[in-house]
Amino acid sequence: MKLVADQSDVDAILARRYDNGGDYWGTADGRIYVGNPFSTISSLGMLYELGVGKTHEGIQGGMNLILNAWREDGRIRIAPGAPMYPCYTAESARTLCRFGMKANVVVKRTVSYLLENAHELGGWRCNFTKFGRGPETECANPGATLYALDVLR
């Protein structure tokens, strides 16, 4: 992927890598999603959009945090002891896919988990989200569904 932004944008994101108390935009206790814009998942997403390759040390470290958060059933735990919502599992898997890991066993099992846990009417529901809580989103809400569809794509 060709870098589409000024290197200063990449440097600004990399400079925030320890801000949450751990390395690679995580926390000291292992959380990889602490809100935006500088969590492990969101920072990797921004770096991807800026054209940073998967061999970059920061990308490798962040992806390893996501891989270490994976569970055998296909879910990805974004924080120790936190519930494992499909929206965060799908968003984490999407990050891995963006960096070319679609053939990795973690992503393959996570795809199976997502397919096994889709609502019978289609889509995915994340009970954590503060948005999409009306009757029209009883079966699925937009964020979780879009993340899951992006992984499947």
N, C-alpha and C. Protein backbone atom coordinates (compact mmCIF):
# COMPACT_ATOMS: atom_id res chain seq x y z
N MET A 1 0.85 -1.17 0.00
CA MET A 1 0.00 0.00 0.00
C MET A 1 0.90 1.24 0.00
N LYS A 2 0.53 2.19 -0.80
CA LYS A 2 1.30 3.42 -0.90
C LYS A 2 0.87 4.40 0.18
N LEU A 3 1.83 5.04 0.81
CA LEU A 3 1.53 6.02 1.83
C LEU A 3 0.79 7.20 1.21
N VAL A 4 -0.38 7.51 1.75
CA VAL A 4 -1.21 8.57 1.18
C VAL A 4 -1.18 9.84 2.02
N ALA A 5 -0.47 9.83 3.12
CA ALA A 5 -0.45 11.00 3.99
C ALA A 5 0.99 11.39 4.28
N ASP A 6 1.12 12.54 4.82
CA ASP A 6 2.41 13.03 5.23
C ASP A 6 2.95 12.15 6.36
N GLN A 7 4.24 11.91 6.37
CA GLN A 7 4.87 11.09 7.40
C GLN A 7 4.61 11.66 8.80
N SER A 8 4.37 12.95 8.89
CA SER A 8 4.11 13.54 10.21
C SER A 8 2.83 12.98 10.83
N ASP A 9 1.84 12.58 10.01
CA ASP A 9 0.63 11.96 10.54
C ASP A 9 0.95 10.61 11.17
N VAL A 10 1.76 9.83 10.48
CA VAL A 10 2.18 8.53 11.01
C VAL A 10 2.97 8.73 12.30
N ASP A 11 3.90 9.67 12.28
CA ASP A 11 4.73 9.92 13.46
C ASP A 11 3.89 10.36 14.65
N ALA A 12 2.84 11.15 14.40
CA ALA A 12 1.98 11.61 15.49
C ALA A 12 1.26 10.44 16.15
N ILE A 13 0.81 9.48 15.37
CA ILE A 13 0.13 8.30 15.93
C ILE A 13 1.14 7.44 16.68
N LEU A 14 2.29 7.22 16.09
CA LEU A 14 3.32 6.41 16.75
C LEU A 14 3.78 7.04 18.06
N ALA A 15 3.79 8.36 18.12
CA ALA A 15 4.22 9.05 19.34
C ALA A 15 3.25 8.82 20.49
N ARG A 16 2.02 8.42 20.22
CA ARG A 16 1.01 8.20 21.26
C ARG A 16 0.96 6.74 21.73
N ARG A 17 1.88 5.95 21.27
CA ARG A 17 1.81 4.51 21.48
C ARG A 17 1.86 4.09 22.94
N TYR A 18 2.40 4.89 23.84
CA TYR A 18 2.49 4.54 25.27
C TYR A 18 1.49 5.32 26.12
N ASP A 19 0.66 6.13 25.52
CA ASP A 19 -0.22 7.04 26.27
C ASP A 19 -1.21 6.33 27.20
N ASN A 20 -1.56 5.11 26.91
CA ASN A 20 -2.55 4.40 27.74
C ASN A 20 -1.91 3.56 28.84
N GLY A 21 -0.60 3.66 28.99
CA GLY A 21 0.08 2.97 30.08
C GLY A 21 0.75 1.66 29.69
N GLY A 22 0.43 1.14 28.53
CA GLY A 22 1.07 -0.07 28.02
C GLY A 22 1.73 0.26 26.69
N ASP A 23 2.15 -0.75 25.99
CA ASP A 23 2.76 -0.53 24.68
C ASP A 23 1.72 -0.75 23.59
N TYR A 24 2.00 -0.23 22.43
CA TYR A 24 1.16 -0.38 21.24
C TYR A 24 -0.27 0.09 21.49
N TRP A 25 -0.42 1.21 22.17
CA TRP A 25 -1.68 1.88 22.43
C TRP A 25 -2.60 1.10 23.35
N GLY A 26 -2.08 0.07 24.00
CA GLY A 26 -2.85 -0.69 24.97
C GLY A 26 -2.63 -0.14 26.38
N THR A 27 -3.24 -0.79 27.34
CA THR A 27 -3.08 -0.38 28.74
C THR A 27 -2.16 -1.36 29.44
N ALA A 28 -1.70 -0.98 30.60
CA ALA A 28 -0.81 -1.84 31.37
C ALA A 28 -1.48 -3.16 31.75
N ASP A 29 -2.80 -3.14 31.90
CA ASP A 29 -3.51 -4.38 32.26
C ASP A 29 -4.02 -5.15 31.04
N GLY A 30 -3.64 -4.73 29.83
CA GLY A 30 -3.92 -5.52 28.64
C GLY A 30 -5.14 -5.12 27.83
N ARG A 31 -5.74 -3.98 28.09
CA ARG A 31 -6.89 -3.55 27.29
C ARG A 31 -6.39 -3.03 25.94
N ILE A 32 -7.04 -3.47 24.87
CA ILE A 32 -6.64 -3.05 23.53
C ILE A 32 -7.65 -2.09 22.91
N TYR A 33 -8.73 -1.82 23.62
CA TYR A 33 -9.71 -0.85 23.15
C TYR A 33 -10.13 -0.01 24.35
N VAL A 34 -9.69 1.22 24.37
CA VAL A 34 -9.98 2.11 25.49
C VAL A 34 -10.67 3.38 25.01
N GLY A 35 -11.34 3.29 23.90
CA GLY A 35 -11.95 4.46 23.29
C GLY A 35 -11.08 4.99 22.18
N ASN A 36 -11.55 6.03 21.58
CA ASN A 36 -10.83 6.58 20.43
C ASN A 36 -10.20 7.90 20.80
N PRO A 37 -9.23 8.36 20.10
CA PRO A 37 -8.73 7.76 18.87
C PRO A 37 -7.50 6.90 19.07
N PHE A 38 -6.95 6.77 20.25
CA PHE A 38 -5.65 6.09 20.36
C PHE A 38 -5.71 4.82 21.20
N SER A 39 -6.48 3.86 20.77
CA SER A 39 -6.42 2.52 21.33
C SER A 39 -5.67 1.65 20.32
N THR A 40 -5.37 0.44 20.69
CA THR A 40 -4.66 -0.45 19.78
C THR A 40 -5.43 -0.62 18.47
N ILE A 41 -6.70 -0.95 18.58
CA ILE A 41 -7.50 -1.22 17.39
C ILE A 41 -7.64 0.02 16.52
N SER A 42 -7.97 1.15 17.12
CA SER A 42 -8.17 2.35 16.30
C SER A 42 -6.87 2.90 15.74
N SER A 43 -5.79 2.81 16.50
CA SER A 43 -4.50 3.30 15.98
C SER A 43 -4.02 2.45 14.81
N LEU A 44 -4.19 1.13 14.92
CA LEU A 44 -3.81 0.27 13.80
C LEU A 44 -4.67 0.60 12.58
N GLY A 45 -5.95 0.87 12.79
CA GLY A 45 -6.81 1.24 11.67
C GLY A 45 -6.36 2.52 10.99
N MET A 46 -5.99 3.52 11.79
CA MET A 46 -5.51 4.77 11.20
C MET A 46 -4.20 4.56 10.45
N LEU A 47 -3.30 3.76 11.03
CA LEU A 47 -2.02 3.52 10.37
C LEU A 47 -2.21 2.75 9.07
N TYR A 48 -3.17 1.85 9.05
CA TYR A 48 -3.50 1.14 7.81
C TYR A 48 -3.95 2.14 6.74
N GLU A 49 -4.85 3.01 7.13
CA GLU A 49 -5.37 4.01 6.18
C GLU A 49 -4.26 4.94 5.67
N LEU A 50 -3.24 5.14 6.49
CA LEU A 50 -2.11 5.99 6.09
C LEU A 50 -1.06 5.23 5.28
N GLY A 51 -1.28 3.93 5.10
CA GLY A 51 -0.40 3.15 4.24
C GLY A 51 0.78 2.50 4.93
N VAL A 52 0.76 2.43 6.25
CA VAL A 52 1.86 1.78 6.97
C VAL A 52 1.73 0.27 6.77
N GLY A 53 2.80 -0.37 6.40
CA GLY A 53 2.79 -1.79 6.08
C GLY A 53 2.80 -2.70 7.30
N LYS A 54 2.41 -3.94 7.07
CA LYS A 54 2.29 -4.90 8.17
C LYS A 54 3.62 -5.30 8.78
N THR A 55 4.73 -5.00 8.12
CA THR A 55 6.03 -5.36 8.69
C THR A 55 6.56 -4.30 9.65
N HIS A 56 5.90 -3.17 9.74
CA HIS A 56 6.32 -2.11 10.67
C HIS A 56 6.24 -2.65 12.10
N GLU A 57 7.22 -2.33 12.90
CA GLU A 57 7.30 -2.83 14.28
C GLU A 57 6.06 -2.48 15.09
N GLY A 58 5.54 -1.27 14.93
CA GLY A 58 4.34 -0.87 15.66
C GLY A 58 3.12 -1.67 15.24
N ILE A 59 3.01 -1.96 13.97
CA ILE A 59 1.90 -2.77 13.46
C ILE A 59 2.01 -4.19 14.00
N GLN A 60 3.19 -4.76 13.93
CA GLN A 60 3.40 -6.12 14.43
C GLN A 60 3.06 -6.23 15.92
N GLY A 61 3.53 -5.26 16.70
CA GLY A 61 3.25 -5.27 18.13
C GLY A 61 1.78 -5.15 18.45
N GLY A 62 1.10 -4.24 17.75
CA GLY A 62 -0.34 -4.08 17.97
C GLY A 62 -1.12 -5.31 17.55
N MET A 63 -0.75 -5.90 16.43
CA MET A 63 -1.45 -7.11 15.98
C MET A 63 -1.21 -8.26 16.95
N ASN A 64 -0.03 -8.34 17.52
CA ASN A 64 0.24 -9.39 18.52
C ASN A 64 -0.65 -9.21 19.75
N LEU A 65 -0.92 -7.97 20.15
CA LEU A 65 -1.84 -7.75 21.27
C LEU A 65 -3.23 -8.28 20.93
N ILE A 66 -3.68 -8.04 19.70
CA ILE A 66 -4.99 -8.55 19.29
C ILE A 66 -4.97 -10.08 19.25
N LEU A 67 -3.94 -10.65 18.68
CA LEU A 67 -3.84 -12.11 18.61
C LEU A 67 -3.82 -12.74 20.00
N ASN A 68 -3.17 -12.09 20.94
CA ASN A 68 -3.11 -12.61 22.31
C ASN A 68 -4.45 -12.48 23.03
N ALA A 69 -5.33 -11.63 22.53
CA ALA A 69 -6.64 -11.44 23.13
C ALA A 69 -7.68 -12.43 22.59
N TRP A 70 -7.29 -13.20 21.59
CA TRP A 70 -8.20 -14.14 20.94
C TRP A 70 -8.47 -15.34 21.83
N ARG A 71 -9.68 -15.86 21.76
CA ARG A 71 -10.08 -17.07 22.50
C ARG A 71 -10.42 -18.17 21.50
N GLU A 72 -10.26 -19.39 21.92
CA GLU A 72 -10.47 -20.56 21.05
C GLU A 72 -11.85 -20.60 20.39
N ASP A 73 -12.84 -20.01 21.04
CA ASP A 73 -14.19 -20.04 20.45
C ASP A 73 -14.37 -19.01 19.34
N GLY A 74 -13.33 -18.21 19.07
CA GLY A 74 -13.39 -17.24 17.99
C GLY A 74 -13.59 -15.81 18.43
N ARG A 75 -13.93 -15.61 19.70
CA ARG A 75 -14.14 -14.25 20.18
C ARG A 75 -12.80 -13.61 20.54
N ILE A 76 -12.80 -12.29 20.61
CA ILE A 76 -11.61 -11.54 20.98
C ILE A 76 -11.97 -10.65 22.16
N ARG A 77 -11.22 -10.82 23.25
CA ARG A 77 -11.47 -10.06 24.49
C ARG A 77 -10.66 -8.78 24.45
N ILE A 78 -11.33 -7.64 24.47
CA ILE A 78 -10.63 -6.36 24.36
C ILE A 78 -10.10 -5.85 25.69
N ALA A 79 -10.54 -6.48 26.79
CA ALA A 79 -10.07 -6.09 28.11
C ALA A 79 -10.19 -7.28 29.05
N PRO A 80 -9.21 -7.46 29.94
CA PRO A 80 -9.29 -8.58 30.88
C PRO A 80 -10.59 -8.52 31.69
N GLY A 81 -11.29 -9.63 31.71
CA GLY A 81 -12.53 -9.72 32.48
C GLY A 81 -13.74 -9.06 31.83
N ALA A 82 -13.57 -8.41 30.70
CA ALA A 82 -14.69 -7.73 30.04
C ALA A 82 -15.52 -8.74 29.24
N PRO A 83 -16.82 -8.47 29.10
CA PRO A 83 -17.62 -9.31 28.21
C PRO A 83 -17.06 -9.25 26.79
N MET A 84 -17.26 -10.29 26.03
CA MET A 84 -16.75 -10.33 24.66
C MET A 84 -17.92 -10.10 23.70
N TYR A 85 -18.08 -8.86 23.30
CA TYR A 85 -19.16 -8.48 22.40
C TYR A 85 -18.77 -8.73 20.95
N PRO A 86 -19.74 -9.10 20.11
CA PRO A 86 -19.42 -9.36 18.70
C PRO A 86 -18.89 -8.13 17.96
N CYS A 87 -19.29 -6.94 18.39
CA CYS A 87 -18.81 -5.74 17.69
C CYS A 87 -17.30 -5.59 17.86
N TYR A 88 -16.79 -5.83 19.05
CA TYR A 88 -15.34 -5.70 19.28
C TYR A 88 -14.57 -6.87 18.68
N THR A 89 -15.17 -8.04 18.70
CA THR A 89 -14.54 -9.19 18.04
C THR A 89 -14.41 -8.91 16.55
N ALA A 90 -15.50 -8.45 15.94
CA ALA A 90 -15.47 -8.18 14.50
C ALA A 90 -14.54 -7.03 14.16
N GLU A 91 -14.53 -5.98 14.97
CA GLU A 91 -13.64 -4.85 14.70
C GLU A 91 -12.18 -5.27 14.82
N SER A 92 -11.87 -6.11 15.79
CA SER A 92 -10.50 -6.61 15.94
C SER A 92 -10.11 -7.49 14.76
N ALA A 93 -11.01 -8.37 14.35
CA ALA A 93 -10.73 -9.25 13.20
C ALA A 93 -10.58 -8.43 11.92
N ARG A 94 -11.37 -7.38 11.78
CA ARG A 94 -11.24 -6.51 10.61
C ARG A 94 -9.85 -5.90 10.55
N THR A 95 -9.32 -5.52 11.69
CA THR A 95 -7.97 -4.95 11.74
C THR A 95 -6.95 -5.98 11.27
N LEU A 96 -7.08 -7.22 11.75
CA LEU A 96 -6.16 -8.27 11.31
C LEU A 96 -6.28 -8.51 9.81
N CYS A 97 -7.50 -8.51 9.29
CA CYS A 97 -7.71 -8.72 7.85
C CYS A 97 -7.07 -7.62 7.02
N ARG A 98 -7.19 -6.41 7.49
CA ARG A 98 -6.61 -5.28 6.74
C ARG A 98 -5.11 -5.46 6.54
N PHE A 99 -4.46 -6.10 7.49
CA PHE A 99 -3.03 -6.30 7.38
C PHE A 99 -2.68 -7.68 6.82
N GLY A 100 -3.63 -8.27 6.08
CA GLY A 100 -3.34 -9.47 5.31
C GLY A 100 -3.37 -10.78 6.07
N MET A 101 -4.06 -10.83 7.19
CA MET A 101 -4.06 -12.05 7.99
C MET A 101 -5.31 -12.90 7.81
N LYS A 102 -5.99 -12.76 6.68
CA LYS A 102 -7.24 -13.48 6.49
C LYS A 102 -7.08 -14.99 6.50
N ALA A 103 -5.90 -15.50 6.19
CA ALA A 103 -5.67 -16.94 6.19
C ALA A 103 -5.22 -17.46 7.56
N ASN A 104 -5.00 -16.56 8.51
CA ASN A 104 -4.56 -16.95 9.84
C ASN A 104 -5.67 -17.72 10.55
N VAL A 105 -5.31 -18.72 11.33
CA VAL A 105 -6.29 -19.55 12.05
C VAL A 105 -7.16 -18.71 12.96
N VAL A 106 -6.63 -17.66 13.54
CA VAL A 106 -7.42 -16.79 14.41
C VAL A 106 -8.55 -16.14 13.61
N VAL A 107 -8.24 -15.59 12.48
CA VAL A 107 -9.26 -14.94 11.66
C VAL A 107 -10.25 -15.98 11.13
N LYS A 108 -9.78 -17.12 10.69
CA LYS A 108 -10.68 -18.15 10.18
C LYS A 108 -11.68 -18.60 11.24
N ARG A 109 -11.19 -18.82 12.47
CA ARG A 109 -12.08 -19.25 13.55
C ARG A 109 -13.04 -18.12 13.94
N THR A 110 -12.55 -16.89 13.90
CA THR A 110 -13.40 -15.76 14.22
C THR A 110 -14.49 -15.59 13.17
N VAL A 111 -14.17 -15.82 11.90
CA VAL A 111 -15.19 -15.79 10.84
C VAL A 111 -16.25 -16.85 11.13
N SER A 112 -15.82 -18.04 11.50
CA SER A 112 -16.79 -19.09 11.84
C SER A 112 -17.67 -18.66 13.00
N TYR A 113 -17.07 -18.07 14.02
CA TYR A 113 -17.84 -17.57 15.17
C TYR A 113 -18.88 -16.55 14.71
N LEU A 114 -18.45 -15.61 13.88
CA LEU A 114 -19.39 -14.59 13.41
C LEU A 114 -20.54 -15.20 12.63
N LEU A 115 -20.23 -16.13 11.74
CA LEU A 115 -21.28 -16.78 10.95
C LEU A 115 -22.22 -17.59 11.83
N GLU A 116 -21.68 -18.27 12.83
CA GLU A 116 -22.49 -19.07 13.74
C GLU A 116 -23.38 -18.21 14.63
N ASN A 117 -23.00 -16.96 14.84
CA ASN A 117 -23.71 -16.11 15.78
C ASN A 117 -24.45 -14.94 15.15
N ALA A 118 -24.62 -14.99 13.85
CA ALA A 118 -25.44 -13.97 13.19
C ALA A 118 -26.89 -14.17 13.61
N HIS A 119 -27.63 -13.09 13.69
CA HIS A 119 -29.04 -13.19 14.03
C HIS A 119 -29.76 -13.93 12.90
N GLU A 120 -30.79 -14.67 13.23
CA GLU A 120 -31.51 -15.45 12.21
C GLU A 120 -32.10 -14.57 11.11
N LEU A 121 -32.34 -13.31 11.40
CA LEU A 121 -32.85 -12.39 10.39
C LEU A 121 -31.72 -11.62 9.69
N GLY A 122 -30.50 -11.94 10.04
CA GLY A 122 -29.34 -11.28 9.44
C GLY A 122 -28.77 -10.22 10.35
N GLY A 123 -27.50 -10.04 10.25
CA GLY A 123 -26.84 -9.00 11.04
C GLY A 123 -26.35 -9.49 12.39
N TRP A 124 -25.67 -8.59 13.08
CA TRP A 124 -25.09 -8.89 14.38
C TRP A 124 -25.51 -7.80 15.35
N ARG A 125 -25.68 -8.19 16.59
CA ARG A 125 -26.13 -7.27 17.63
C ARG A 125 -25.05 -7.13 18.68
N CYS A 126 -24.72 -5.90 19.03
CA CYS A 126 -23.79 -5.64 20.11
C CYS A 126 -24.56 -4.96 21.23
N ASN A 127 -24.67 -5.63 22.35
CA ASN A 127 -25.46 -5.09 23.46
C ASN A 127 -24.74 -3.99 24.23
N PHE A 128 -23.47 -3.79 23.94
CA PHE A 128 -22.72 -2.74 24.62
C PHE A 128 -23.00 -1.36 24.03
N THR A 129 -23.24 -1.30 22.75
CA THR A 129 -23.34 -0.03 22.06
C THR A 129 -24.41 0.89 22.65
N LYS A 130 -24.11 2.15 22.64
CA LYS A 130 -25.05 3.14 23.14
C LYS A 130 -26.00 3.59 22.02
N PHE A 131 -25.69 3.20 20.79
CA PHE A 131 -26.48 3.62 19.64
C PHE A 131 -27.23 2.40 19.09
N GLY A 132 -28.34 2.64 18.44
CA GLY A 132 -29.07 1.56 17.80
C GLY A 132 -29.80 0.68 18.78
N ARG A 133 -30.57 1.28 19.66
CA ARG A 133 -31.29 0.50 20.67
C ARG A 133 -32.80 0.52 20.48
N GLY A 134 -33.26 0.91 19.32
CA GLY A 134 -34.69 0.93 19.06
C GLY A 134 -35.18 -0.40 18.54
N PRO A 135 -36.49 -0.53 18.35
CA PRO A 135 -37.05 -1.80 17.86
C PRO A 135 -36.51 -2.18 16.48
N GLU A 136 -36.12 -1.18 15.70
CA GLU A 136 -35.59 -1.48 14.37
C GLU A 136 -34.22 -2.14 14.43
N THR A 137 -33.57 -2.10 15.58
CA THR A 137 -32.25 -2.73 15.70
C THR A 137 -32.27 -3.87 16.73
N GLU A 138 -33.43 -4.43 16.95
CA GLU A 138 -33.54 -5.54 17.91
C GLU A 138 -32.72 -6.75 17.47
N CYS A 139 -32.66 -6.99 16.18
CA CYS A 139 -31.93 -8.15 15.66
C CYS A 139 -30.46 -7.84 15.41
N ALA A 140 -30.17 -6.61 15.05
CA ALA A 140 -28.80 -6.23 14.70
C ALA A 140 -28.67 -4.72 14.79
N ASN A 141 -27.45 -4.27 15.04
CA ASN A 141 -27.22 -2.83 14.98
C ASN A 141 -26.12 -2.54 13.97
N PRO A 142 -26.08 -1.32 13.47
CA PRO A 142 -25.22 -1.00 12.33
C PRO A 142 -23.73 -1.25 12.55
N GLY A 143 -23.19 -0.80 13.67
CA GLY A 143 -21.75 -0.94 13.88
C GLY A 143 -21.28 -2.38 13.84
N ALA A 144 -21.90 -3.21 14.66
CA ALA A 144 -21.50 -4.62 14.72
C ALA A 144 -21.68 -5.30 13.36
N THR A 145 -22.78 -5.01 12.70
CA THR A 145 -23.04 -5.63 11.40
C THR A 145 -22.03 -5.18 10.35
N LEU A 146 -21.74 -3.89 10.31
CA LEU A 146 -20.77 -3.40 9.33
C LEU A 146 -19.38 -3.96 9.58
N TYR A 147 -18.97 -4.05 10.85
CA TYR A 147 -17.66 -4.65 11.14
C TYR A 147 -17.61 -6.10 10.69
N ALA A 148 -18.66 -6.86 11.01
CA ALA A 148 -18.69 -8.28 10.63
C ALA A 148 -18.69 -8.43 9.11
N LEU A 149 -19.48 -7.63 8.42
CA LEU A 149 -19.52 -7.72 6.96
C LEU A 149 -18.17 -7.36 6.35
N ASP A 150 -17.47 -6.43 6.95
CA ASP A 150 -16.15 -6.06 6.46
C ASP A 150 -15.18 -7.24 6.61
N VAL A 151 -15.28 -7.96 7.72
CA VAL A 151 -14.43 -9.16 7.89
C VAL A 151 -14.78 -10.20 6.84
N LEU A 152 -16.04 -10.42 6.60
CA LEU A 152 -16.46 -11.42 5.63
C LEU A 152 -16.07 -11.02 4.20
N ARG A 153 -16.03 -9.72 3.96
CA ARG A 153 -15.63 -9.23 2.64
C ARG A 153 -14.20 -9.56 2.38
